[in-house]
Amino acid sequence: MDGSLRKRLKIDTAALEEVNRFLLDPDNQVINAVLGVVAKYGTPEEINAKAQEARSLSTLLERLRQLGSPYLRDLEWLTAERDRPSFISVSDFRRKVLAEKTETMKFKEKLAVTLEISAFQYFHWLILEAKHAIENQEVMPARYIRVRKMKEQEADQGDILAVAAAMQIIGATYVETLDTKGTDGSNVHLGGPETITGYFGGIGQPNEYALKWIDEFLYYYTEYGIRQVLNINPGTVLLGYVLHKLGIDMEFKISVFMGNDNPYAVFWTLMAGRLFSREDGTTPLVGFNLSNSVNAETLKLSGKIRRALHLDDQVRIEHHVTETWKSIVRQPYNRRDDLLDVASSVRNVSAKHEGGEPEVESTREHPSDVLDYFRDKKQILSSGDMPDLELNYLDKHAAVNRTAEALTKKGLAFVAAWNLHGRD
């Protein structure tokens, strides 16, 4: 291969200097607008201090107590069951799956796959899931994705506080989805099916909505300590990098809806993350959900790109194993075999379960539907659909455990809720 041709790709340091001059220009309107939003909440150090106090478990529990929230009793139950301990250990789970083979099996702990579930809409679903896991000796995920409207959960008897507390109790990470996005009417192209072509450009945060997005993030960061949020737009991805570079300890996950579906898109995104990393090399991008259309080879190449940019430990590659039965992909959709292939050689991967097993979903009177994520709780309750949605969630939990079993049989490790599922 012609080495002289490859050398033409080298980025001129003069071009990097031009970017720096643009960023540091005191008359730069786009950056000044960001700094103006940040200034409303204080210095980065003050903002981080507020967030740290807001997410303190004692603070969260006291706020629930002051609200008289019914969720407080559930959290006390969850804590007691964790301490008993009532949840199956990872070692016992392996013995349950492999029987006597467990003693001779060598597990690839460095390649442990994070078990992930989506969408975790209501706090009480976690309690249902925990009781189910105890009864059936199953594992709970270590990562939860929420898509419930922020204002609705904020007003729901402390749901937003209870989830934040529960994640600390069980040992898991979680991601919230902010309300500021094109589906709120700001994107004039989006409507019902008759405007479907509007979605080809992404849900988006058009015009000034990128600034509104960081304003909304900073509110929930300082008020509730919420650190990780979903990111669906190239502009707000850049703004996430900017906030972190300024010193605000925010984190984000890139959504499957952003459509990164080839290694070059992955390189573009990770390159920006590396360029805007802090002096210690850290980046706010902690979860990277590629498109559902990517194959195992693209996932493996993405892992190589990530390694080349020294982001292996920071950026988790998140891949859908299952999807909701309706309204998002052609069914049947099950990518577990691809996951097992990739997880054998690529570290820091998560297995995301957004639906139940296809053979189960097809039998449900109300199979999982991504459009249910956008319904108000009041409407779900009045329609009588909540029991169906609870069953959909437990189907996803079952899929999580099917993946944990498949990984175990292949000698691959998994990461479940680490405070619940200890290791011998």
Protein backbone atom coordinates (compact mmCIF):
# COMPACT_ATOMS: atom_id res chain seq x y z
CA MET A 1 0.00 0.00 0.00
CA ASP A 2 1.35 3.44 -0.96
CA GLY A 3 2.64 5.10 2.20
CA SER A 4 3.06 8.46 0.49
CA LEU A 5 -0.65 8.55 -0.29
CA ARG A 6 -1.52 7.84 3.36
CA LYS A 7 0.71 10.71 4.50
CA ARG A 8 -1.63 13.15 2.76
CA LEU A 9 -4.19 12.48 5.52
CA LYS A 10 -2.09 14.11 8.23
CA ILE A 11 -3.97 17.01 9.83
CA ASP A 12 -2.07 20.26 9.58
CA THR A 13 -1.33 21.76 12.99
CA ALA A 14 -2.19 25.15 11.49
CA ALA A 15 -5.76 23.92 11.02
CA LEU A 16 -5.91 22.93 14.70
CA GLU A 17 -4.64 26.37 15.63
CA GLU A 18 -7.47 27.92 13.61
CA VAL A 19 -9.99 25.88 15.58
CA ASN A 20 -8.40 26.99 18.85
CA ARG A 21 -8.46 30.63 17.77
CA PHE A 22 -12.14 30.30 16.97
CA LEU A 23 -12.93 28.69 20.34
CA LEU A 24 -10.96 31.29 22.31
CA ASP A 25 -12.16 34.35 20.39
CA PRO A 26 -13.97 36.61 22.91
CA ASP A 27 -16.34 37.71 20.16
CA ASN A 28 -17.36 34.12 19.30
CA GLN A 29 -21.16 34.26 19.52
CA VAL A 30 -21.81 30.50 19.60
CA ILE A 31 -19.39 29.89 22.48
CA ASN A 32 -20.44 33.04 24.32
CA ALA A 33 -24.00 31.77 24.28
CA VAL A 34 -22.89 28.54 25.98
CA LEU A 35 -20.90 30.41 28.61
CA GLY A 36 -23.95 32.55 29.26
CA VAL A 37 -26.10 29.50 30.02
CA VAL A 38 -23.44 28.07 32.34
CA ALA A 39 -23.09 31.39 34.20
CA LYS A 40 -26.76 31.17 35.28
CA TYR A 41 -25.81 28.21 37.49
CA GLY A 42 -22.44 29.44 38.79
CA THR A 43 -18.85 28.44 38.17
CA PRO A 44 -18.14 24.85 37.09
CA GLU A 45 -16.84 24.15 40.60
CA GLU A 46 -20.01 25.53 42.19
CA ILE A 47 -22.18 23.59 39.75
CA ASN A 48 -20.39 20.30 40.51
CA ALA A 49 -20.69 20.90 44.24
CA LYS A 50 -24.46 21.44 43.94
CA ALA A 51 -24.81 18.26 41.90
CA GLN A 52 -22.74 16.22 44.35
CA GLU A 53 -24.90 17.33 47.27
CA ALA A 54 -28.12 16.76 45.30
CA ARG A 55 -27.20 13.16 44.41
CA SER A 56 -26.07 12.27 47.93
CA LEU A 57 -28.14 9.26 49.04
CA SER A 58 -28.94 10.88 52.37
CA THR A 59 -30.16 14.02 50.58
CA LEU A 60 -32.35 12.00 48.19
CA LEU A 61 -33.92 9.97 51.02
CA GLU A 62 -34.56 13.06 53.11
CA ARG A 63 -36.30 14.79 50.21
CA LEU A 64 -38.51 11.73 49.72
CA ARG A 65 -39.27 11.77 53.43
CA GLN A 66 -40.28 15.43 53.29
CA LEU A 67 -42.56 14.68 50.33
CA GLY A 68 -44.20 11.81 52.20
CA SER A 69 -43.40 9.68 49.15
CA PRO A 70 -44.69 6.08 49.12
CA TYR A 71 -41.49 5.15 47.30
CA LEU A 72 -39.43 5.59 50.47
CA ARG A 73 -40.80 2.35 51.94
CA ASP A 74 -39.89 0.52 48.72
CA LEU A 75 -36.34 1.83 48.94
CA GLU A 76 -36.10 0.65 52.54
CA TRP A 77 -37.29 -2.79 51.44
CA LEU A 78 -34.78 -2.83 48.58
CA THR A 79 -31.94 -1.90 50.93
CA ALA A 80 -32.92 -4.64 53.39
CA GLU A 81 -33.09 -7.29 50.67
CA ARG A 82 -29.71 -6.17 49.35
CA ASP A 83 -28.15 -6.44 52.82
CA ARG A 84 -29.76 -9.80 53.67
CA PRO A 85 -28.58 -10.75 50.91
CA SER A 86 -31.59 -12.05 48.98
CA PHE A 87 -30.19 -11.72 45.46
CA ILE A 88 -28.27 -14.48 43.75
CA SER A 89 -24.50 -14.09 43.57
CA VAL A 90 -22.71 -14.19 40.23
CA SER A 91 -21.01 -17.43 41.28
CA ASP A 92 -24.32 -19.06 42.18
CA PHE A 93 -25.85 -17.86 38.92
CA ARG A 94 -23.00 -19.52 37.06
CA ARG A 95 -23.55 -22.73 39.00
CA LYS A 96 -27.25 -22.54 38.21
CA VAL A 97 -26.43 -22.33 34.49
CA LEU A 98 -23.44 -24.66 34.25
CA ALA A 99 -23.81 -27.03 37.21
CA GLU A 100 -20.56 -28.96 37.77
CA LYS A 101 -18.89 -27.37 34.71
CA THR A 102 -18.55 -24.13 36.69
CA GLU A 103 -15.49 -25.35 38.58
CA THR A 104 -13.46 -25.91 35.40
CA MET A 105 -14.70 -22.91 33.40
CA LYS A 106 -12.37 -19.91 33.05
CA PHE A 107 -14.33 -16.69 32.65
CA LYS A 108 -12.97 -13.69 30.70
CA GLU A 109 -13.52 -11.10 33.43
CA LYS A 110 -11.66 -8.37 31.53
CA LEU A 111 -14.23 -8.69 28.74
CA ALA A 112 -17.25 -8.57 31.05
CA VAL A 113 -20.41 -7.38 29.25
CA THR A 114 -22.63 -4.86 31.03
CA LEU A 115 -26.27 -5.97 31.19
CA GLU A 116 -28.56 -3.11 30.13
CA ILE A 117 -32.34 -2.63 30.01
CA SER A 118 -34.53 0.01 28.38
CA ALA A 119 -36.77 1.77 28.87
CA PHE A 120 -37.11 1.87 32.65
CA GLN A 121 -40.04 4.27 32.86
CA TYR A 122 -41.44 4.06 36.40
CA PHE A 123 -39.78 3.50 39.75
CA HIS A 124 -42.28 0.83 40.78
CA TRP A 125 -41.14 -1.30 37.83
CA LEU A 126 -37.76 -1.68 39.50
CA ILE A 127 -39.41 -3.06 42.63
CA LEU A 128 -41.46 -5.51 40.55
CA GLU A 129 -38.27 -6.56 38.78
CA ALA A 130 -36.34 -6.96 42.04
CA LYS A 131 -39.05 -9.16 43.58
CA HIS A 132 -39.15 -11.24 40.41
CA ALA A 133 -35.35 -11.58 40.44
CA ILE A 134 -35.32 -12.73 44.08
CA GLU A 135 -38.11 -15.25 43.54
CA ASN A 136 -36.54 -16.73 40.40
CA GLN A 137 -32.88 -16.24 41.37
CA GLU A 138 -32.14 -14.04 38.38
CA VAL A 139 -29.76 -11.13 37.89
CA MET A 140 -30.65 -7.45 37.73
CA PRO A 141 -29.10 -5.22 35.04
CA ALA A 142 -26.23 -2.85 35.85
CA ARG A 143 -27.44 -0.16 33.46
CA TYR A 144 -30.89 1.40 33.02
CA ILE A 145 -32.10 3.77 30.29
CA ARG A 146 -35.07 6.05 30.98
CA VAL A 147 -37.20 7.80 28.37
CA ARG A 148 -39.97 9.12 30.61
CA LYS A 149 -40.78 12.82 30.42
CA MET A 150 -38.67 14.68 32.96
CA LYS A 151 -41.38 17.04 34.17
CA GLU A 152 -43.81 14.15 34.62
CA GLN A 153 -41.46 12.05 36.73
CA GLU A 154 -40.45 15.13 38.71
CA ALA A 155 -44.10 15.62 39.71
CA ASP A 156 -44.81 11.94 40.41
CA GLN A 157 -44.43 11.59 44.20
CA GLY A 158 -40.65 11.80 43.95
CA ASP A 159 -40.16 9.21 41.17
CA ILE A 160 -37.11 11.11 39.92
CA LEU A 161 -35.58 11.06 43.43
CA ALA A 162 -36.45 7.42 44.08
CA VAL A 163 -34.79 6.24 40.88
CA ALA A 164 -31.63 8.22 41.67
CA ALA A 165 -31.52 6.64 45.14
CA ALA A 166 -32.30 3.13 43.90
CA MET A 167 -29.44 3.18 41.42
CA GLN A 168 -27.00 3.87 44.24
CA ILE A 169 -28.57 1.20 46.43
CA ILE A 170 -28.38 -1.58 43.83
CA GLY A 171 -25.15 -0.49 42.16
CA ALA A 172 -26.02 0.56 38.63
CA THR A 173 -25.65 3.43 36.18
CA TYR A 174 -28.64 5.09 34.56
CA VAL A 175 -29.42 7.57 31.81
CA GLU A 176 -32.23 10.12 31.63
CA THR A 177 -33.72 11.58 28.44
CA LEU A 178 -34.26 15.33 28.58
CA ASP A 179 -37.50 16.89 27.34
CA THR A 180 -35.80 19.41 25.04
CA LYS A 181 -35.92 17.78 21.61
CA GLY A 182 -37.62 18.16 18.26
CA THR A 183 -40.62 16.02 19.16
CA ASP A 184 -41.87 18.84 21.41
CA GLY A 185 -42.91 20.83 18.35
CA SER A 186 -39.66 22.72 17.79
CA ASN A 187 -38.83 20.71 14.66
CA VAL A 188 -41.37 21.88 12.09
CA HIS A 189 -40.83 18.75 9.99
CA LEU A 190 -42.09 16.31 12.62
CA GLY A 191 -45.68 15.23 13.05
CA GLY A 192 -47.50 11.97 12.43
CA PRO A 193 -46.89 9.40 9.69
CA GLU A 194 -47.72 11.97 7.03
CA THR A 195 -44.46 13.81 7.89
CA ILE A 196 -42.26 10.72 8.14
CA THR A 197 -39.55 12.22 5.89
CA GLY A 198 -38.96 14.81 8.60
CA TYR A 199 -37.49 12.08 10.76
CA PHE A 200 -34.81 11.27 8.18
CA GLY A 201 -32.81 14.20 9.50
CA GLY A 202 -33.12 12.98 13.06
CA ILE A 203 -35.35 14.07 15.93
CA GLY A 204 -32.98 16.97 16.50
CA GLN A 205 -32.64 20.06 18.65
CA PRO A 206 -33.09 22.77 16.02
CA ASN A 207 -31.90 26.35 16.22
CA GLU A 208 -31.71 27.60 19.84
CA TYR A 209 -32.78 24.23 21.26
CA ALA A 210 -29.20 23.06 21.65
CA LEU A 211 -28.72 25.80 24.24
CA LYS A 212 -32.05 24.93 25.86
CA TRP A 213 -30.84 21.34 26.10
CA ILE A 214 -27.76 22.27 28.14
CA ASP A 215 -29.89 24.62 30.24
CA GLU A 216 -32.27 21.76 31.01
CA PHE A 217 -29.36 19.46 31.77
CA LEU A 218 -27.80 21.93 34.20
CA TYR A 219 -31.13 22.28 35.99
CA TYR A 220 -31.50 18.53 36.58
CA TYR A 221 -27.78 18.18 37.30
CA THR A 222 -27.84 20.77 40.08
CA GLU A 223 -31.35 19.98 41.38
CA TYR A 224 -31.18 16.17 41.40
CA GLY A 225 -27.57 15.31 40.68
CA ILE A 226 -28.47 13.62 37.39
CA ARG A 227 -25.18 13.19 35.57
CA GLN A 228 -25.90 10.99 32.53
CA VAL A 229 -28.35 11.96 29.80
CA LEU A 230 -29.22 10.70 26.34
CA ASN A 231 -27.76 12.58 23.38
CA ILE A 232 -29.41 12.50 19.95
CA ASN A 233 -27.90 15.38 17.98
CA PRO A 234 -24.39 16.23 16.70
CA GLY A 235 -24.68 19.76 18.09
CA THR A 236 -25.56 18.67 21.60
CA VAL A 237 -22.85 15.99 21.46
CA LEU A 238 -20.38 18.81 20.83
CA LEU A 239 -21.92 20.87 23.62
CA GLY A 240 -21.55 17.92 25.97
CA TYR A 241 -17.85 17.84 25.13
CA VAL A 242 -17.67 21.62 25.69
CA LEU A 243 -19.38 21.48 29.11
CA HIS A 244 -17.03 18.74 30.26
CA LYS A 245 -13.99 20.62 28.93
CA LEU A 246 -15.12 23.65 30.93
CA GLY A 247 -14.99 21.53 34.08
CA ILE A 248 -18.61 20.40 34.53
CA ASP A 249 -18.66 16.69 35.35
CA MET A 250 -21.49 15.79 32.99
CA GLU A 251 -21.73 12.49 31.10
CA PHE A 252 -23.83 11.40 28.15
CA LYS A 253 -24.80 8.41 26.06
CA ILE A 254 -25.23 8.70 22.32
CA SER A 255 -28.59 7.27 21.28
CA VAL A 256 -29.28 4.68 18.61
CA PHE A 257 -31.51 7.38 17.05
CA MET A 258 -28.41 9.36 16.07
CA GLY A 259 -27.72 6.70 13.46
CA ASN A 260 -23.98 6.01 13.74
CA ASP A 261 -23.95 3.04 11.41
CA ASN A 262 -20.40 2.67 10.05
CA PRO A 263 -16.81 2.87 11.33
CA TYR A 264 -16.27 6.30 9.79
CA ALA A 265 -19.17 7.80 11.72
CA VAL A 266 -17.72 6.19 14.84
CA PHE A 267 -14.28 7.67 14.11
CA TRP A 268 -15.78 11.14 13.59
CA THR A 269 -17.59 11.01 16.93
CA LEU A 270 -14.71 9.57 18.93
CA MET A 271 -12.19 11.91 17.30
CA ALA A 272 -14.16 14.91 18.54
CA GLY A 273 -14.33 13.34 21.99
CA ARG A 274 -10.56 12.89 22.03
CA LEU A 275 -9.87 16.42 20.79
CA PHE A 276 -12.09 17.91 23.50
CA SER A 277 -10.85 15.63 26.29
CA ARG A 278 -9.48 17.18 29.44
CA GLU A 279 -5.78 17.21 30.30
CA ASP A 280 -6.29 13.92 32.18
CA GLY A 281 -7.70 12.36 29.00
CA THR A 282 -11.29 12.05 30.24
CA THR A 283 -14.34 12.57 28.05
CA PRO A 284 -18.06 12.85 28.93
CA LEU A 285 -19.02 10.24 26.31
CA VAL A 286 -19.57 7.12 28.43
CA GLY A 287 -22.02 5.21 26.25
CA PHE A 288 -22.03 4.91 22.46
CA ASN A 289 -25.11 3.16 21.04
CA LEU A 290 -24.52 2.44 17.36
CA SER A 291 -27.34 1.97 14.88
CA ASN A 292 -29.35 -1.25 14.98
CA SER A 293 -28.15 -1.94 11.43
CA VAL A 294 -24.46 -2.40 12.31
CA ASN A 295 -22.98 -5.86 12.02
CA ALA A 296 -20.39 -7.60 14.19
CA GLU A 297 -17.53 -6.50 11.97
CA THR A 298 -18.45 -2.82 12.38
CA LEU A 299 -18.63 -3.27 16.15
CA LYS A 300 -15.17 -4.85 16.16
CA LEU A 301 -13.71 -2.08 13.99
CA SER A 302 -15.31 0.48 16.29
CA GLY A 303 -13.50 -1.18 19.18
CA LYS A 304 -10.18 -0.79 17.33
CA ILE A 305 -10.85 2.89 16.63
CA ARG A 306 -11.74 3.43 20.29
CA ARG A 307 -8.51 1.71 21.40
CA ALA A 308 -6.38 3.80 19.02
CA LEU A 309 -7.79 6.96 20.62
CA HIS A 310 -7.18 5.64 24.16
CA LEU A 311 -10.88 5.62 25.02
CA ASP A 312 -11.35 1.91 25.83
CA ASP A 313 -11.97 2.43 29.53
CA GLN A 314 -14.23 5.45 29.12
CA VAL A 315 -16.53 4.82 26.17
CA ARG A 316 -18.79 1.77 26.41
CA ILE A 317 -20.01 0.40 23.08
CA GLU A 318 -23.71 -0.34 23.58
CA HIS A 319 -25.51 -2.76 21.28
CA HIS A 320 -29.15 -3.73 21.10
CA VAL A 321 -29.71 -7.44 21.61
CA THR A 322 -33.50 -7.07 21.44
CA GLU A 323 -35.81 -4.23 20.37
CA THR A 324 -39.43 -3.33 21.05
CA TRP A 325 -41.73 -5.51 18.98
CA LYS A 326 -43.49 -2.53 17.41
CA SER A 327 -42.64 0.82 15.86
CA ILE A 328 -38.84 0.71 15.53
CA VAL A 329 -37.35 -2.28 13.64
CA ARG A 330 -38.41 -5.14 11.43
CA GLN A 331 -39.09 -8.22 13.51
CA PRO A 332 -37.95 -10.72 14.51
CA TYR A 333 -34.87 -8.84 15.78
CA ASN A 334 -32.37 -10.69 17.98
CA ARG A 335 -28.67 -9.82 17.86
CA ARG A 336 -27.42 -12.05 20.69
CA ASP A 337 -25.18 -14.10 18.40
CA ASP A 338 -23.46 -10.93 17.20
CA LEU A 339 -22.99 -9.84 20.81
CA LEU A 340 -21.36 -13.17 21.74
CA ASP A 341 -19.06 -12.86 18.74
CA VAL A 342 -18.00 -9.31 19.57
CA ALA A 343 -17.75 -9.82 23.34
CA SER A 344 -15.19 -12.56 22.84
CA SER A 345 -12.58 -9.97 21.80
CA VAL A 346 -13.89 -6.44 22.46
CA ARG A 347 -13.95 -5.08 25.99
CA ASN A 348 -16.30 -2.55 27.61
CA VAL A 349 -19.43 -3.55 25.71
CA SER A 350 -23.00 -3.51 26.95
CA ALA A 351 -25.91 -5.70 25.91
CA LYS A 352 -29.00 -3.53 25.64
CA HIS A 353 -32.43 -5.16 25.92
CA GLU A 354 -35.23 -2.97 24.62
CA GLY A 355 -37.68 -5.80 24.04
CA GLY A 356 -38.44 -9.35 25.07
CA GLU A 357 -37.46 -12.43 23.14
CA PRO A 358 -39.19 -12.30 19.72
CA GLU A 359 -40.88 -15.66 20.26
CA VAL A 360 -42.38 -14.29 23.50
CA GLU A 361 -43.31 -10.86 22.15
CA SER A 362 -45.25 -12.39 19.27
CA THR A 363 -47.60 -14.08 21.75
CA ARG A 364 -48.41 -11.00 23.83
CA GLU A 365 -51.80 -9.33 23.51
CA HIS A 366 -49.95 -6.03 24.00
CA PRO A 367 -46.35 -6.53 22.80
CA SER A 368 -43.74 -3.90 23.59
CA ASP A 369 -44.06 -0.72 21.54
CA VAL A 370 -41.58 2.16 21.49
CA LEU A 371 -44.51 4.59 21.14
CA ASP A 372 -45.58 3.65 24.68
CA TYR A 373 -42.52 5.55 25.92
CA PHE A 374 -44.11 8.82 24.90
CA ARG A 375 -47.51 8.30 26.54
CA ASP A 376 -48.42 10.13 29.73
CA LYS A 377 -48.72 7.98 32.83
CA LYS A 378 -52.22 9.35 33.40
CA GLN A 379 -53.33 8.09 29.99
CA ILE A 380 -51.71 4.68 30.53
CA LEU A 381 -53.49 4.26 33.85
CA SER A 382 -56.87 5.41 32.53
CA SER A 383 -56.62 3.04 29.55
CA GLY A 384 -55.84 0.10 31.83
CA ASP A 385 -52.60 -0.60 29.95
CA MET A 386 -50.18 -0.41 32.90
CA PRO A 387 -50.27 -4.20 33.65
CA ASP A 388 -49.41 -4.88 30.00
CA LEU A 389 -46.48 -2.45 30.11
CA GLU A 390 -45.27 -4.03 33.35
CA LEU A 391 -45.31 -7.42 31.64
CA ASN A 392 -43.41 -5.94 28.68
CA TYR A 393 -40.74 -4.73 31.11
CA LEU A 394 -40.46 -8.13 32.79
CA ASP A 395 -40.11 -9.68 29.33
CA LYS A 396 -37.09 -7.42 28.81
CA HIS A 397 -35.74 -8.53 32.18
CA ALA A 398 -36.13 -12.15 31.02
CA ALA A 399 -34.17 -11.30 27.87
CA VAL A 400 -31.41 -9.80 30.03
CA ASN A 401 -31.14 -13.09 31.89
CA ARG A 402 -31.18 -15.08 28.65
CA THR A 403 -28.13 -13.06 27.59
CA ALA A 404 -26.45 -13.58 30.97
CA GLU A 405 -26.95 -17.32 30.53
CA ALA A 406 -25.58 -17.28 26.96
CA LEU A 407 -22.49 -15.34 28.04
CA THR A 408 -21.94 -17.74 30.93
CA LYS A 409 -22.14 -20.80 28.69
CA LYS A 410 -19.48 -19.28 26.45
CA GLY A 411 -17.13 -18.51 29.34
CA LEU A 412 -17.76 -14.78 29.12
CA ALA A 413 -18.39 -12.64 32.18
CA PHE A 414 -21.18 -10.12 32.70
CA VAL A 415 -21.72 -7.07 34.89
CA ALA A 416 -25.01 -7.12 36.81
CA ALA A 417 -26.11 -4.67 39.53
CA TRP A 418 -22.90 -4.86 41.55
CA ASN A 419 -24.34 -4.17 45.01
CA LEU A 420 -26.88 -6.98 44.60
CA HIS A 421 -24.90 -9.72 42.90
CA GLY A 422 -21.64 -10.29 44.71
CA ARG A 423 -18.84 -12.64 43.72
CA ASP A 424 -17.41 -15.37 45.94
